[in-house]
């Protein structure tokens, strides 16, 4: 049985690259912004991958700051991507995304404490 990573997609780079080409083993991709897009835009943000970078980084900093060193963020306008060799670190990111999507107060709290240089 495959693990449920919804609303994200989990990537194991071994499926696409030769072992010697892999720097970071796993990736997590999130691009289902629709449910929050209007709210984030009303707050003055673009609502895409760069916005979610700020949101997730804020939540990780509060939840388990030590994970920051294990996460490699690679946002784009149309998607949020984070990579790590630690699959459990990506599960924590997934939990943060799910929590922010499920509860507008959690989302607002993350926005309020986000690093202004990361969130747009």
Protein backbone atom coordinates (compact mmCIF):
# COMPACT_ATOMS: atom_id res chain seq x y z
CA UNK A 1 0.00 0.00 0.00
CA UNK A 2 1.33 3.41 -0.98
CA UNK A 3 1.49 6.16 1.60
CA UNK A 4 -0.98 9.02 1.17
CA UNK A 5 0.85 12.31 0.59
CA UNK A 6 -2.29 14.23 -0.47
CA UNK A 7 -2.50 17.16 -1.25
CA UNK A 8 1.17 16.88 -2.18
CA UNK A 9 3.11 14.53 -4.40
CA UNK A 10 6.03 12.58 -3.02
CA UNK A 11 9.05 12.03 -5.26
CA UNK A 12 11.77 9.44 -4.81
CA UNK A 13 14.55 10.63 -7.10
CA UNK A 14 15.93 7.07 -7.35
CA UNK A 15 13.09 6.41 -9.77
CA UNK A 16 14.45 9.05 -12.17
CA UNK A 17 18.18 9.42 -11.55
CA UNK A 18 21.21 7.23 -11.20
CA UNK A 19 22.31 6.77 -7.58
CA UNK A 20 25.54 8.74 -8.12
CA UNK A 21 23.55 11.73 -9.46
CA UNK A 22 21.31 12.03 -6.39
CA UNK A 23 22.26 14.77 -3.96
CA UNK A 24 18.97 14.83 -2.04
CA UNK A 25 16.92 11.65 -2.15
CA UNK A 26 13.28 12.74 -1.77
CA UNK A 27 11.05 15.61 -2.80
CA UNK A 28 7.62 16.92 -1.88
CA UNK A 29 5.65 18.93 -4.44
CA UNK A 30 2.59 21.04 -3.64
CA UNK A 31 0.67 22.94 -6.30
CA UNK A 32 -2.99 22.64 -5.23
CA UNK A 33 -3.31 26.29 -4.21
CA UNK A 34 -6.94 26.74 -5.26
CA UNK A 35 -8.55 26.48 -1.83
CA UNK A 36 -6.34 29.23 -0.37
CA UNK A 37 -5.57 31.34 -3.42
CA UNK A 38 -8.29 33.95 -2.92
CA UNK A 39 -7.59 34.29 0.81
CA UNK A 40 -3.84 34.70 0.27
CA UNK A 41 -4.35 37.21 -2.53
CA UNK A 42 -6.68 39.22 -0.26
CA UNK A 43 -3.76 39.39 2.18
CA UNK A 44 -1.53 40.84 -0.54
CA UNK A 45 0.35 37.66 -1.44
CA UNK A 46 0.70 35.90 -4.77
CA UNK A 47 -0.58 32.66 -3.25
CA UNK A 48 1.76 30.32 -5.13
CA UNK A 49 4.94 28.47 -4.32
CA UNK A 50 6.83 31.46 -2.93
CA UNK A 51 3.97 32.24 -0.56
CA UNK A 52 3.84 28.64 0.60
CA UNK A 53 7.60 28.65 1.14
CA UNK A 54 7.14 31.40 3.71
CA UNK A 55 4.15 29.66 5.30
CA UNK A 56 5.88 26.28 5.61
CA UNK A 57 9.19 27.73 6.79
CA UNK A 58 7.32 29.65 9.50
CA UNK A 59 5.51 26.51 10.66
CA UNK A 60 8.66 24.36 10.63
CA UNK A 61 10.53 26.99 12.65
CA UNK A 62 7.84 26.75 15.35
CA UNK A 63 7.29 23.00 15.19
CA UNK A 64 10.86 21.68 14.98
CA UNK A 65 13.54 24.22 14.13
CA UNK A 66 16.18 21.48 13.89
CA UNK A 67 14.49 20.21 10.72
CA UNK A 68 15.37 23.42 8.93
CA UNK A 69 18.90 22.11 8.27
CA UNK A 70 17.48 19.00 6.59
CA UNK A 71 15.12 20.81 4.22
CA UNK A 72 16.09 22.31 0.87
CA UNK A 73 13.37 24.63 -0.42
CA UNK A 74 12.91 25.15 -4.15
CA UNK A 75 9.74 27.18 -4.68
CA UNK A 76 8.48 28.48 -8.00
CA UNK A 77 5.50 30.68 -8.76
CA UNK A 78 3.36 27.71 -9.77
CA UNK A 79 4.54 25.17 -7.19
CA UNK A 80 6.14 24.68 -3.81
CA UNK A 81 8.87 22.07 -3.71
CA UNK A 82 11.03 20.97 -0.82
CA UNK A 83 13.70 18.28 -0.88
CA UNK A 84 15.33 16.22 1.83
CA UNK A 85 17.13 12.96 2.36
CA UNK A 86 15.01 12.58 5.49
CA UNK A 87 11.57 11.27 4.58
CA UNK A 88 10.26 12.03 8.08
CA UNK A 89 11.21 15.69 7.63
CA UNK A 90 9.03 15.75 4.52
CA UNK A 91 6.18 14.15 6.47
CA UNK A 92 6.45 17.06 8.91
CA UNK A 93 6.21 19.50 5.99
CA UNK A 94 3.16 17.60 4.74
CA UNK A 95 1.57 17.85 8.20
CA UNK A 96 2.17 21.62 8.17
CA UNK A 97 0.58 22.04 4.75
CA UNK A 98 -2.41 19.92 5.75
CA UNK A 99 -2.86 21.89 8.98
CA UNK A 100 -2.70 25.24 7.17
CA UNK A 101 -5.23 24.08 4.58
CA UNK A 102 -7.60 22.72 7.22
CA UNK A 103 -7.59 25.66 9.62
CA UNK A 104 -7.55 29.33 8.60
CA UNK A 105 -6.26 30.33 12.05
CA UNK A 106 -3.23 28.07 11.62
CA UNK A 107 -2.67 29.54 8.16
CA UNK A 108 -2.98 33.11 9.48
CA UNK A 109 -0.61 32.37 12.36
CA UNK A 110 1.99 31.07 9.92
CA UNK A 111 1.58 34.14 7.73
CA UNK A 112 1.89 36.46 10.73
CA UNK A 113 5.18 34.87 11.83
CA UNK A 114 6.60 34.29 8.34
CA UNK A 115 9.94 35.76 7.36
CA UNK A 116 9.00 38.72 5.12
CA UNK A 117 11.94 37.97 2.84
CA UNK A 118 10.50 34.51 2.06
CA UNK A 119 6.77 35.07 1.69
CA UNK A 120 5.39 36.92 -1.33
